[in-house]
């Protein structure tokens, strides 16, 4: 997986001996996803199958788990829009109260929304 994802942004070659023959320095292509390992790939597969409406027991069989609770508990993550919406509701609830912030860590004027929660 890593050779497929570790590509130069300029020429598309990976950071190996062939790339040394190029007339530029290797620079990773930020458009390609970052590899997080096989567990993350399996978790992503389980989550995406669930989002597509595949039954829990079928996802369990695809991932070869002996217990469907393992599949549901560890391999199906909540959808990002659901998490962002929940955190927005939580933020609104917190904003309704005036908590003192002696460390000045809260920026009440910021409207930034996280792109992902992981």
PDB file of N, CA and C in Angstrom:
ATOM      1  N   UNK A   1       0.810  -1.198   0.000  1.00  0.00           N
ATOM      2  CA  UNK A   1       0.000   0.000   0.000  1.00  0.00           C
ATOM      3  C   UNK A   1       0.854   1.263   0.000  1.00  0.00           C
ATOM      4  N   UNK A   2       1.874   1.288   0.819  1.00  0.00           N
ATOM      5  CA  UNK A   2       2.672   2.503   0.934  1.00  0.00           C
ATOM      6  C   UNK A   2       3.310   2.937  -0.382  1.00  0.00           C
ATOM      7  N   UNK A   3       3.888   2.025  -1.190  1.00  0.00           N
ATOM      8  CA  UNK A   3       4.440   2.490  -2.463  1.00  0.00           C
ATOM      9  C   UNK A   3       3.395   3.142  -3.367  1.00  0.00           C
ATOM     10  N   UNK A   4       2.164   2.678  -3.292  1.00  0.00           N
ATOM     11  CA  UNK A   4       1.109   3.264  -4.119  1.00  0.00           C
ATOM     12  C   UNK A   4       0.703   4.645  -3.623  1.00  0.00           C
ATOM     13  N   UNK A   5       0.848   4.899  -2.334  1.00  0.00           N
ATOM     14  CA  UNK A   5       0.416   6.176  -1.762  1.00  0.00           C
ATOM     15  C   UNK A   5       1.551   7.177  -1.565  1.00  0.00           C
ATOM     16  N   UNK A   6       2.784   6.715  -1.520  1.00  0.00           N
ATOM     17  CA  UNK A   6       3.930   7.614  -1.351  1.00  0.00           C
ATOM     18  C   UNK A   6       4.480   7.978  -2.722  1.00  0.00           C
ATOM     19  N   UNK A   7       3.805   8.885  -3.383  1.00  0.00           N
ATOM     20  CA  UNK A   7       4.169   9.304  -4.736  1.00  0.00           C
ATOM     21  C   UNK A   7       4.612  10.758  -4.736  1.00  0.00           C
ATOM     22  N   UNK A   8       5.536  11.063  -5.646  1.00  0.00           N
ATOM     23  CA  UNK A   8       6.014  12.442  -5.797  1.00  0.00           C
ATOM     24  C   UNK A   8       4.916  13.283  -6.439  1.00  0.00           C
ATOM     25  N   UNK A   9       4.765  14.457  -5.951  1.00  0.00           N
ATOM     26  CA  UNK A   9       3.734  15.348  -6.470  1.00  0.00           C
ATOM     27  C   UNK A   9       4.074  15.840  -7.873  1.00  0.00           C
ATOM     28  N   UNK A  10       5.357  15.842  -8.227  1.00  0.00           N
ATOM     29  CA  UNK A  10       5.789  16.359  -9.531  1.00  0.00           C
ATOM     30  C   UNK A  10       5.741  15.308 -10.633  1.00  0.00           C
ATOM     31  N   UNK A  11       6.236  14.099 -10.336  1.00  0.00           N
ATOM     32  CA  UNK A  11       6.362  13.102 -11.404  1.00  0.00           C
ATOM     33  C   UNK A  11       5.572  11.823 -11.158  1.00  0.00           C
ATOM     34  N   UNK A  12       5.059  11.618  -9.944  1.00  0.00           N
ATOM     35  CA  UNK A  12       4.268  10.439  -9.653  1.00  0.00           C
ATOM     36  C   UNK A  12       5.066   9.213  -9.264  1.00  0.00           C
ATOM     37  N   UNK A  13       6.396   9.306  -9.249  1.00  0.00           N
ATOM     38  CA  UNK A  13       7.223   8.172  -8.838  1.00  0.00           C
ATOM     39  C   UNK A  13       7.303   8.116  -7.319  1.00  0.00           C
ATOM     40  N   UNK A  14       7.523   6.896  -6.786  1.00  0.00           N
ATOM     41  CA  UNK A  14       7.672   6.809  -5.337  1.00  0.00           C
ATOM     42  C   UNK A  14       9.085   7.202  -4.934  1.00  0.00           C
ATOM     43  N   UNK A  15       9.312   7.365  -3.648  1.00  0.00           N
ATOM     44  CA  UNK A  15      10.594   7.833  -3.130  1.00  0.00           C
ATOM     45  C   UNK A  15      11.558   6.663  -3.047  1.00  0.00           C
ATOM     46  N   UNK A  16      12.123   6.285  -4.185  1.00  0.00           N
ATOM     47  CA  UNK A  16      13.048   5.153  -4.244  1.00  0.00           C
ATOM     48  C   UNK A  16      14.184   5.455  -5.200  1.00  0.00           C
ATOM     49  N   UNK A  17      14.863   4.413  -5.619  1.00  0.00           N
ATOM     50  CA  UNK A  17      16.037   4.577  -6.484  1.00  0.00           C
ATOM     51  C   UNK A  17      15.681   5.209  -7.825  1.00  0.00           C
ATOM     52  N   UNK A  18      14.522   4.840  -8.418  1.00  0.00           N
ATOM     53  CA  UNK A  18      14.137   5.419  -9.707  1.00  0.00           C
ATOM     54  C   UNK A  18      13.930   6.928  -9.594  1.00  0.00           C
ATOM     55  N   UNK A  19      13.429   7.371  -8.461  1.00  0.00           N
ATOM     56  CA  UNK A  19      13.170   8.794  -8.312  1.00  0.00           C
ATOM     57  C   UNK A  19      14.460   9.591  -8.248  1.00  0.00           C
ATOM     58  N   UNK A  20      15.531   9.009  -7.800  1.00  0.00           N
ATOM     59  CA  UNK A  20      16.803   9.718  -7.708  1.00  0.00           C
ATOM     60  C   UNK A  20      17.301  10.181  -9.071  1.00  0.00           C
ATOM     61  N   UNK A  21      16.814   9.574 -10.148  1.00  0.00           N
ATOM     62  CA  UNK A  21      17.222   9.938 -11.501  1.00  0.00           C
ATOM     63  C   UNK A  21      16.467  11.165 -12.023  1.00  0.00           C
ATOM     64  N   UNK A  22      15.494  11.662 -11.296  1.00  0.00           N
ATOM     65  CA  UNK A  22      14.692  12.806 -11.738  1.00  0.00           C
ATOM     66  C   UNK A  22      15.450  14.114 -11.507  1.00  0.00           C
ATOM     67  N   UNK A  23      15.005  15.181 -12.157  1.00  0.00           N
ATOM     68  CA  UNK A  23      15.682  16.473 -12.043  1.00  0.00           C
ATOM     69  C   UNK A  23      15.041  17.380 -10.984  1.00  0.00           C
ATOM     70  N   UNK A  24      14.391  16.789 -10.002  1.00  0.00           N
ATOM     71  CA  UNK A  24      13.802  17.554  -8.903  1.00  0.00           C
ATOM     72  C   UNK A  24      13.857  16.710  -7.637  1.00  0.00           C
ATOM     73  N   UNK A  25      13.635  17.351  -6.506  1.00  0.00           N
ATOM     74  CA  UNK A  25      13.626  16.633  -5.236  1.00  0.00           C
ATOM     75  C   UNK A  25      12.252  16.006  -5.021  1.00  0.00           C
ATOM     76  N   UNK A  26      12.239  14.880  -4.322  1.00  0.00           N
ATOM     77  CA  UNK A  26      10.976  14.201  -4.011  1.00  0.00           C
ATOM     78  C   UNK A  26      10.143  15.084  -3.079  1.00  0.00           C
ATOM     79  N   UNK A  27       8.882  15.239  -3.437  1.00  0.00           N
ATOM     80  CA  UNK A  27       7.931  15.948  -2.575  1.00  0.00           C
ATOM     81  C   UNK A  27       6.633  15.153  -2.592  1.00  0.00           C
ATOM     82  N   UNK A  28       6.187  14.714  -1.422  1.00  0.00           N
ATOM     83  CA  UNK A  28       4.981  13.893  -1.334  1.00  0.00           C
ATOM     84  C   UNK A  28       3.752  14.591  -1.886  1.00  0.00           C
ATOM     85  N   UNK A  29       2.879  13.814  -2.510  1.00  0.00           N
ATOM     86  CA  UNK A  29       1.645  14.345  -3.079  1.00  0.00           C
ATOM     87  C   UNK A  29       0.580  14.389  -1.986  1.00  0.00           C
ATOM     88  N   UNK A  30       0.235  15.578  -1.548  1.00  0.00           N
ATOM     89  CA  UNK A  30      -0.729  15.765  -0.453  1.00  0.00           C
ATOM     90  C   UNK A  30      -2.153  15.432  -0.867  1.00  0.00           C
ATOM     91  N   UNK A  31      -2.411  15.280  -2.172  1.00  0.00           N
ATOM     92  CA  UNK A  31      -3.758  14.925  -2.628  1.00  0.00           C
ATOM     93  C   UNK A  31      -4.081  13.460  -2.348  1.00  0.00           C
ATOM     94  N   UNK A  32      -3.042  12.634  -2.176  1.00  0.00           N
ATOM     95  CA  UNK A  32      -3.260  11.213  -1.904  1.00  0.00           C
ATOM     96  C   UNK A  32      -3.545  11.006  -0.424  1.00  0.00           C
ATOM     97  N   UNK A  33      -4.388  10.038  -0.090  1.00  0.00           N
ATOM     98  CA  UNK A  33      -4.708   9.805   1.319  1.00  0.00           C
ATOM     99  C   UNK A  33      -3.502   9.255   2.081  1.00  0.00           C
ATOM    100  N   UNK A  34      -3.506   9.481   3.379  1.00  0.00           N
ATOM    101  CA  UNK A  34      -2.448   8.971   4.247  1.00  0.00           C
ATOM    102  C   UNK A  34      -2.846   7.573   4.717  1.00  0.00           C
ATOM    103  N   UNK A  35      -1.933   6.633   4.630  1.00  0.00           N
ATOM    104  CA  UNK A  35      -2.207   5.249   5.018  1.00  0.00           C
ATOM    105  C   UNK A  35      -2.173   5.125   6.534  1.00  0.00           C
ATOM    106  N   UNK A  36      -3.223   4.554   7.107  1.00  0.00           N
ATOM    107  CA  UNK A  36      -3.327   4.389   8.557  1.00  0.00           C
ATOM    108  C   UNK A  36      -3.271   2.928   8.978  1.00  0.00           C
ATOM    109  N   UNK A  37      -3.006   2.026   8.056  1.00  0.00           N
ATOM    110  CA  UNK A  37      -2.876   0.618   8.401  1.00  0.00           C
ATOM    111  C   UNK A  37      -4.097  -0.196   8.018  1.00  0.00           C
ATOM    112  N   UNK A  38      -3.940  -1.509   8.142  1.00  0.00           N
ATOM    113  CA  UNK A  38      -5.008  -2.421   7.741  1.00  0.00           C
ATOM    114  C   UNK A  38      -6.226  -2.339   8.649  1.00  0.00           C
ATOM    115  N   UNK A  39      -6.028  -2.072   9.928  1.00  0.00           N
ATOM    116  CA  UNK A  39      -7.186  -1.960  10.821  1.00  0.00           C
ATOM    117  C   UNK A  39      -8.074  -0.802  10.369  1.00  0.00           C
ATOM    118  N   UNK A  40      -7.456   0.324  10.035  1.00  0.00           N
ATOM    119  CA  UNK A  40      -8.233   1.472   9.562  1.00  0.00           C
ATOM    120  C   UNK A  40      -8.940   1.145   8.246  1.00  0.00           C
ATOM    121  N   UNK A  41      -8.282   0.386   7.372  1.00  0.00           N
ATOM    122  CA  UNK A  41      -8.913   0.003   6.101  1.00  0.00           C
ATOM    123  C   UNK A  41     -10.131  -0.891   6.354  1.00  0.00           C
ATOM    124  N   UNK A  42      -9.997  -1.844   7.260  1.00  0.00           N
ATOM    125  CA  UNK A  42     -11.116  -2.731   7.584  1.00  0.00           C
ATOM    126  C   UNK A  42     -12.253  -1.955   8.257  1.00  0.00           C
ATOM    127  N   UNK A  43     -11.893  -1.031   9.135  1.00  0.00           N
ATOM    128  CA  UNK A  43     -12.899  -0.217   9.807  1.00  0.00           C
ATOM    129  C   UNK A  43     -13.629   0.657   8.787  1.00  0.00           C
ATOM    130  N   UNK A  44     -12.872   1.213   7.837  1.00  0.00           N
ATOM    131  CA  UNK A  44     -13.492   2.011   6.774  1.00  0.00           C
ATOM    132  C   UNK A  44     -14.421   1.172   5.915  1.00  0.00           C
ATOM    133  N   UNK A  45     -14.006  -0.048   5.614  1.00  0.00           N
ATOM    134  CA  UNK A  45     -14.859  -0.956   4.838  1.00  0.00           C
ATOM    135  C   UNK A  45     -16.148  -1.248   5.588  1.00  0.00           C
ATOM    136  N   UNK A  46     -16.041  -1.591   6.872  1.00  0.00           N
ATOM    137  CA  UNK A  46     -17.227  -1.879   7.671  1.00  0.00           C
ATOM    138  C   UNK A  46     -18.175  -0.691   7.740  1.00  0.00           C
ATOM    139  N   UNK A  47     -17.615   0.495   7.945  1.00  0.00           N
ATOM    140  CA  UNK A  47     -18.429   1.709   8.040  1.00  0.00           C
ATOM    141  C   UNK A  47     -19.122   2.012   6.719  1.00  0.00           C
ATOM    142  N   UNK A  48     -18.388   1.908   5.620  1.00  0.00           N
ATOM    143  CA  UNK A  48     -18.988   2.205   4.316  1.00  0.00           C
ATOM    144  C   UNK A  48     -20.041   1.183   3.921  1.00  0.00           C
ATOM    145  N   UNK A  49     -19.813  -0.084   4.220  1.00  0.00           N
ATOM    146  CA  UNK A  49     -20.845  -1.089   3.946  1.00  0.00           C
ATOM    147  C   UNK A  49     -22.106  -0.809   4.753  1.00  0.00           C
ATOM    148  N   UNK A  50     -21.933  -0.408   6.003  1.00  0.00           N
ATOM    149  CA  UNK A  50     -23.070  -0.085   6.866  1.00  0.00           C
ATOM    150  C   UNK A  50     -23.842   1.108   6.297  1.00  0.00           C
ATOM    151  N   UNK A  51     -23.120   2.131   5.845  1.00  0.00           N
ATOM    152  CA  UNK A  51     -23.758   3.308   5.261  1.00  0.00           C
ATOM    153  C   UNK A  51     -24.523   2.959   3.995  1.00  0.00           C
ATOM    154  N   UNK A  52     -24.075   1.925   3.279  1.00  0.00           N
ATOM    155  CA  UNK A  52     -24.761   1.497   2.060  1.00  0.00           C
ATOM    156  C   UNK A  52     -25.968   0.616   2.343  1.00  0.00           C
ATOM    157  N   UNK A  53     -26.199   0.318   3.621  1.00  0.00           N
ATOM    158  CA  UNK A  53     -27.371  -0.460   3.995  1.00  0.00           C
ATOM    159  C   UNK A  53     -27.153  -1.966   4.047  1.00  0.00           C
ATOM    160  N   UNK A  54     -25.899  -2.399   4.036  1.00  0.00           N
ATOM    161  CA  UNK A  54     -25.601  -3.836   4.119  1.00  0.00           C
ATOM    162  C   UNK A  54     -25.929  -4.302   5.536  1.00  0.00           C
ATOM    163  N   UNK A  55     -26.632  -5.405   5.693  1.00  0.00           N
ATOM    164  CA  UNK A  55     -26.989  -5.896   7.034  1.00  0.00           C
ATOM    165  C   UNK A  55     -25.753  -6.204   7.894  1.00  0.00           C
ATOM    166  N   UNK A  56     -25.922  -6.019   9.212  1.00  0.00           N
ATOM    167  CA  UNK A  56     -24.827  -6.226  10.175  1.00  0.00           C
ATOM    168  C   UNK A  56     -24.185  -7.603  10.038  1.00  0.00           C
ATOM    169  N   UNK A  57     -25.015  -8.629   9.912  1.00  0.00           N
ATOM    170  CA  UNK A  57     -24.500  -9.998   9.835  1.00  0.00           C
ATOM    171  C   UNK A  57     -23.672 -10.222   8.565  1.00  0.00           C
ATOM    172  N   UNK A  58     -24.022  -9.546   7.478  1.00  0.00           N
ATOM    173  CA  UNK A  58     -23.259  -9.682   6.237  1.00  0.00           C
ATOM    174  C   UNK A  58     -21.897  -8.998   6.407  1.00  0.00           C
ATOM    175  N   UNK A  59     -21.879  -7.821   7.029  1.00  0.00           N
ATOM    176  CA  UNK A  59     -20.610  -7.139   7.291  1.00  0.00           C
ATOM    177  C   UNK A  59     -19.745  -8.004   8.203  1.00  0.00           C
ATOM    178  N   UNK A  60     -20.352  -8.616   9.194  1.00  0.00           N
ATOM    179  CA  UNK A  60     -19.628  -9.524  10.089  1.00  0.00           C
ATOM    180  C   UNK A  60     -18.965 -10.641   9.282  1.00  0.00           C
ATOM    181  N   UNK A  61     -19.697 -11.222   8.342  1.00  0.00           N
ATOM    182  CA  UNK A  61     -19.158 -12.314   7.535  1.00  0.00           C
ATOM    183  C   UNK A  61     -18.029 -11.827   6.624  1.00  0.00           C
ATOM    184  N   UNK A  62     -18.188 -10.643   6.030  1.00  0.00           N
ATOM    185  CA  UNK A  62     -17.151 -10.103   5.152  1.00  0.00           C
ATOM    186  C   UNK A  62     -15.861  -9.860   5.934  1.00  0.00           C
ATOM    187  N   UNK A  63     -15.987  -9.314   7.140  1.00  0.00           N
ATOM    188  CA  UNK A  63     -14.811  -9.028   7.968  1.00  0.00           C
ATOM    189  C   UNK A  63     -14.334 -10.248   8.743  1.00  0.00           C
ATOM    190  N   UNK A  64     -15.094 -11.344   8.647  1.00  0.00           N
ATOM    191  CA  UNK A  64     -14.753 -12.628   9.271  1.00  0.00           C
ATOM    192  C   UNK A  64     -14.642 -12.524  10.791  1.00  0.00           C
ATOM    193  N   UNK A  65     -15.605 -11.839  11.405  1.00  0.00           N
ATOM    194  CA  UNK A  65     -15.673 -11.774  12.858  1.00  0.00           C
ATOM    195  C   UNK A  65     -16.536 -12.919  13.383  1.00  0.00           C
ATOM    196  N   UNK A  66     -16.173 -13.438  14.546  1.00  0.00           N
ATOM    197  CA  UNK A  66     -16.961 -14.528  15.123  1.00  0.00           C
ATOM    198  C   UNK A  66     -18.206 -14.002  15.834  1.00  0.00           C
ATOM    199  N   UNK A  67     -18.229 -12.712  16.147  1.00  0.00           N
ATOM    200  CA  UNK A  67     -19.324 -12.133  16.907  1.00  0.00           C
ATOM    201  C   UNK A  67     -19.725 -10.806  16.264  1.00  0.00           C
ATOM    202  N   UNK A  68     -21.004 -10.624  16.012  1.00  0.00           N
ATOM    203  CA  UNK A  68     -21.471  -9.387  15.380  1.00  0.00           C
ATOM    204  C   UNK A  68     -21.244  -8.175  16.279  1.00  0.00           C
ATOM    205  N   UNK A  69     -21.160  -8.374  17.588  1.00  0.00           N
ATOM    206  CA  UNK A  69     -20.907  -7.246  18.499  1.00  0.00           C
ATOM    207  C   UNK A  69     -19.530  -6.633  18.277  1.00  0.00           C
ATOM    208  N   UNK A  70     -18.558  -7.441  17.882  1.00  0.00           N
ATOM    209  CA  UNK A  70     -17.230  -6.904  17.549  1.00  0.00           C
ATOM    210  C   UNK A  70     -17.343  -5.999  16.330  1.00  0.00           C
ATOM    211  N   UNK A  71     -18.078  -6.452  15.329  1.00  0.00           N
ATOM    212  CA  UNK A  71     -18.274  -5.667  14.115  1.00  0.00           C
ATOM    213  C   UNK A  71     -18.947  -4.340  14.440  1.00  0.00           C
ATOM    214  N   UNK A  72     -20.019  -4.395  15.213  1.00  0.00           N
ATOM    215  CA  UNK A  72     -20.762  -3.179  15.541  1.00  0.00           C
ATOM    216  C   UNK A  72     -19.988  -2.258  16.478  1.00  0.00           C
ATOM    217  N   UNK A  73     -19.253  -2.841  17.408  1.00  0.00           N
ATOM    218  CA  UNK A  73     -18.573  -2.038  18.416  1.00  0.00           C
ATOM    219  C   UNK A  73     -17.276  -1.404  17.974  1.00  0.00           C
ATOM    220  N   UNK A  74     -16.556  -2.064  17.054  1.00  0.00           N
ATOM    221  CA  UNK A  74     -15.215  -1.590  16.714  1.00  0.00           C
ATOM    222  C   UNK A  74     -15.009  -1.264  15.248  1.00  0.00           C
ATOM    223  N   UNK A  75     -15.867  -1.751  14.375  1.00  0.00           N
ATOM    224  CA  UNK A  75     -15.611  -1.607  12.947  1.00  0.00           C
ATOM    225  C   UNK A  75     -16.624  -0.750  12.213  1.00  0.00           C
ATOM    226  N   UNK A  76     -17.631  -0.274  12.905  1.00  0.00           N
ATOM    227  CA  UNK A  76     -18.593   0.638  12.284  1.00  0.00           C
ATOM    228  C   UNK A  76     -18.548   1.926  13.087  1.00  0.00           C
ATOM    229  N   UNK A  77     -18.054   2.976  12.447  1.00  0.00           N
ATOM    230  CA  UNK A  77     -17.923   4.267  13.113  1.00  0.00           C
ATOM    231  C   UNK A  77     -19.101   5.159  12.737  1.00  0.00           C
ATOM    232  N   UNK A  78     -19.480   6.096  13.610  1.00  0.00           N
ATOM    233  CA  UNK A  78     -20.562   7.019  13.257  1.00  0.00           C
ATOM    234  C   UNK A  78     -20.154   7.879  12.060  1.00  0.00           C
ATOM    235  N   UNK A  79     -21.132   8.265  11.287  1.00  0.00           N
ATOM    236  CA  UNK A  79     -20.851   9.099  10.128  1.00  0.00           C
ATOM    237  C   UNK A  79     -20.380  10.468  10.579  1.00  0.00           C
ATOM    238  N   UNK A  80     -19.445  11.026   9.859  1.00  0.00           N
ATOM    239  CA  UNK A  80     -18.878  12.319  10.209  1.00  0.00           C
ATOM    240  C   UNK A  80     -19.941  13.411  10.316  1.00  0.00           C
ATOM    241  N   UNK A  81     -20.907  13.521   9.396  1.00  0.00           N
ATOM    242  CA  UNK A  81     -21.923  14.569   9.555  1.00  0.00           C
ATOM    243  C   UNK A  81     -22.703  14.424  10.870  1.00  0.00           C
ATOM    244  N   UNK A  82     -22.966  13.184  11.295  1.00  0.00           N
ATOM    245  CA  UNK A  82     -23.657  12.984  12.561  1.00  0.00           C
ATOM    246  C   UNK A  82     -22.814  13.479  13.732  1.00  0.00           C
ATOM    247  N   UNK A  83     -21.525  13.182  13.688  1.00  0.00           N
ATOM    248  CA  UNK A  83     -20.634  13.603  14.768  1.00  0.00           C
ATOM    249  C   UNK A  83     -20.510  15.117  14.799  1.00  0.00           C
ATOM    250  N   UNK A  84     -20.344  15.738  13.640  1.00  0.00           N
ATOM    251  CA  UNK A  84     -20.222  17.197  13.578  1.00  0.00           C
ATOM    252  C   UNK A  84     -21.507  17.860  14.068  1.00  0.00           C
ATOM    253  N   UNK A  85     -22.668  17.316  13.674  1.00  0.00           N
ATOM    254  CA  UNK A  85     -23.949  17.878  14.131  1.00  0.00           C
ATOM    255  C   UNK A  85     -24.095  17.748  15.644  1.00  0.00           C
ATOM    256  N   UNK A  86     -23.707  16.594  16.189  1.00  0.00           N
ATOM    257  CA  UNK A  86     -23.789  16.387  17.636  1.00  0.00           C
ATOM    258  C   UNK A  86     -22.880  17.351  18.369  1.00  0.00           C
ATOM    259  N   UNK A  87     -21.665  17.549  17.858  1.00  0.00           N
ATOM    260  CA  UNK A  87     -20.748  18.485  18.502  1.00  0.00           C
ATOM    261  C   UNK A  87     -21.264  19.923  18.381  1.00  0.00           C
ATOM    262  N   UNK A  88     -21.947  20.244  17.277  1.00  0.00           N
ATOM    263  CA  UNK A  88     -22.554  21.573  17.125  1.00  0.00           C
ATOM    264  C   UNK A  88     -23.629  21.813  18.170  1.00  0.00           C
ATOM    265  N   UNK A  89     -24.455  20.787  18.428  1.00  0.00           N
ATOM    266  CA  UNK A  89     -25.479  20.919  19.464  1.00  0.00           C
ATOM    267  C   UNK A  89     -24.832  21.074  20.838  1.00  0.00           C
ATOM    268  N   UNK A  90     -23.765  20.313  21.067  1.00  0.00           N
ATOM    269  CA  UNK A  90     -23.036  20.404  22.343  1.00  0.00           C
ATOM    270  C   UNK A  90     -22.424  21.797  22.496  1.00  0.00           C
ATOM    271  N   UNK A  91     -21.833  22.325  21.434  1.00  0.00           N
ATOM    272  CA  UNK A  91     -21.234  23.658  21.475  1.00  0.00           C
ATOM    273  C   UNK A  91     -22.296  24.718  21.772  1.00  0.00           C
ATOM    274  N   UNK A  92     -23.482  24.581  21.158  1.00  0.00           N
ATOM    275  CA  UNK A  92     -24.558  25.539  21.404  1.00  0.00           C
ATOM    276  C   UNK A  92     -24.993  25.492  22.864  1.00  0.00           C
ATOM    277  N   UNK A  93     -25.028  24.306  23.424  1.00  0.00           N
ATOM    278  CA  UNK A  93     -25.414  24.159  24.833  1.00  0.00           C
ATOM    279  C   UNK A  93     -24.371  24.811  25.736  1.00  0.00           C
ATOM    280  N   UNK A  94     -23.110  24.590  25.432  1.00  0.00           N
ATOM    281  CA  UNK A  94     -22.032  25.190  26.224  1.00  0.00           C
ATOM    282  C   UNK A  94     -22.042  26.709  26.072  1.00  0.00           C
ATOM    283  N   UNK A  95     -22.278  27.190  24.846  1.00  0.00           N
ATOM    284  CA  UNK A  95     -22.274  28.625  24.590  1.00  0.00           C
ATOM    285  C   UNK A  95     -23.392  29.338  25.347  1.00  0.00           C
ATOM    286  N   UNK A  96     -24.465  28.615  25.674  1.00  0.00           N
ATOM    287  CA  UNK A  96     -25.579  29.218  26.410  1.00  0.00           C
ATOM    288  C   UNK A  96     -25.186  29.567  27.835  1.00  0.00           C
ATOM    289  N   UNK A  97     -24.116  28.966  28.330  1.00  0.00           N
ATOM    290  CA  UNK A  97     -23.623  29.238  29.674  1.00  0.00           C
ATOM    291  C   UNK A  97     -22.366  30.081  29.575  1.00  0.00           C
ATOM    292  N   UNK A  98     -22.155  30.950  30.535  1.00  0.00           N
ATOM    293  CA  UNK A  98     -20.975  31.794  30.521  1.00  0.00           C
ATOM    294  C   UNK A  98     -19.940  31.226  31.480  1.00  0.00           C
ATOM    295  N   UNK A  99     -18.999  30.498  30.930  1.00  0.00           N
ATOM    296  CA  UNK A  99     -17.933  29.940  31.739  1.00  0.00           C
ATOM    297  C   UNK A  99     -16.726  30.873  31.664  1.00  0.00           C
ATOM    298  N   UNK A 100     -16.100  31.128  32.788  1.00  0.00           N
ATOM    299  CA  UNK A 100     -14.879  31.922  32.783  1.00  0.00           C
ATOM    300  C   UNK A 100     -13.751  31.122  32.150  1.00  0.00           C
ATOM    301  N   UNK A 101     -12.934  31.782  31.371  1.00  0.00           N
ATOM    302  CA  UNK A 101     -11.825  31.100  30.709  1.00  0.00           C
ATOM    303  C   UNK A 101     -10.543  31.857  31.014  1.00  0.00           C
ATOM    304  N   UNK A 102      -9.917  31.498  32.102  1.00  0.00           N
ATOM    305  CA  UNK A 102      -8.716  32.214  32.531  1.00  0.00           C
ATOM    306  C   UNK A 102      -7.531  31.943  31.614  1.00  0.00           C
ATOM    307  N   UNK A 103      -7.533  30.833  30.890  1.00  0.00           N
ATOM    308  CA  UNK A 103      -6.418  30.530  29.988  1.00  0.00           C
ATOM    309  C   UNK A 103      -6.617  31.117  28.596  1.00  0.00           C
ATOM    310  N   UNK A 104      -7.750  31.741  28.361  1.00  0.00           N
ATOM    311  CA  UNK A 104      -8.082  32.353  27.068  1.00  0.00           C
ATOM    312  C   UNK A 104      -7.984  31.349  25.915  1.00  0.00           C
ATOM    313  N   UNK A 105      -8.476  30.142  26.148  1.00  0.00           N
ATOM    314  CA  UNK A 105      -8.421  29.114  25.113  1.00  0.00           C
ATOM    315  C   UNK A 105      -9.660  29.109  24.229  1.00  0.00           C
ATOM    316  N   UNK A 106     -10.754  29.703  24.680  1.00  0.00           N
ATOM    317  CA  UNK A 106     -11.971  29.724  23.870  1.00  0.00           C
ATOM    318  C   UNK A 106     -11.984  30.961  22.987  1.00  0.00           C
ATOM    319  N   UNK A 107     -12.329  30.774  21.745  1.00  0.00           N
ATOM    320  CA  UNK A 107     -12.483  31.875  20.822  1.00  0.00           C
ATOM    321  C   UNK A 107     -13.947  31.902  20.415  1.00  0.00           C
ATOM    322  N   UNK A 108     -14.728  32.705  21.091  1.00  0.00           N
ATOM    323  CA  UNK A 108     -16.178  32.722  20.862  1.00  0.00           C
ATOM    324  C   UNK A 108     -16.554  33.325  19.514  1.00  0.00           C
ATOM    325  N   UNK A 109     -15.633  34.048  18.872  1.00  0.00           N
ATOM    326  CA  UNK A 109     -15.958  34.663  17.577  1.00  0.00           C
ATOM    327  C   UNK A 109     -15.658  33.736  16.417  1.00  0.00           C
ATOM    328  N   UNK A 110     -14.983  32.631  16.651  1.00  0.00           N
ATOM    329  CA  UNK A 110     -14.637  31.696  15.580  1.00  0.00           C
ATOM    330  C   UNK A 110     -15.862  30.891  15.163  1.00  0.00           C
ATOM    331  N   UNK A 111     -16.024  30.741  13.848  1.00  0.00           N
ATOM    332  CA  UNK A 111     -17.096  29.912  13.338  1.00  0.00           C
ATOM    333  C   UNK A 111     -16.545  28.682  12.633  1.00  0.00           C
ATOM    334  N   UNK A 112     -15.321  28.312  12.976  1.00  0.00           N
ATOM    335  CA  UNK A 112     -14.679  27.174  12.322  1.00  0.00           C
ATOM    336  C   UNK A 112     -15.392  25.874  12.686  1.00  0.00           C
ATOM    337  N   UNK A 113     -15.569  25.043  11.692  1.00  0.00           N
ATOM    338  CA  UNK A 113     -16.183  23.722  11.885  1.00  0.00           C
ATOM    339  C   UNK A 113     -15.143  22.692  11.481  1.00  0.00           C
ATOM    340  N   UNK A 114     -14.877  21.712  12.324  1.00  0.00           N
ATOM    341  CA  UNK A 114     -13.870  20.726  11.960  1.00  0.00           C
ATOM    342  C   UNK A 114     -14.287  19.938  10.723  1.00  0.00           C
ATOM    343  N   UNK A 115     -13.301  19.620   9.861  1.00  0.00           N
ATOM    344  CA  UNK A 115     -13.593  18.837   8.669  1.00  0.00           C
ATOM    345  C   UNK A 115     -13.802  17.377   9.000  1.00  0.00           C
ATOM    346  N   UNK A 116     -13.113  16.898  10.035  1.00  0.00           N
ATOM    347  CA  UNK A 116     -13.304  15.516  10.435  1.00  0.00           C
ATOM    348  C   UNK A 116     -13.009  15.378  11.908  1.00  0.00           C
ATOM    349  N   UNK A 117     -13.599  14.368  12.496  1.00  0.00           N
ATOM    350  CA  UNK A 117     -13.384  14.070  13.890  1.00  0.00           C
ATOM    351  C   UNK A 117     -12.932  12.617  13.925  1.00  0.00           C
ATOM    352  N   UNK A 118     -11.727  12.395  14.397  1.00  0.00           N
ATOM    353  CA  UNK A 118     -11.217  11.034  14.392  1.00  0.00           C
ATOM    354  C   UNK A 118     -10.196  10.851  15.472  1.00  0.00           C
TER     355      UNK A 118
END
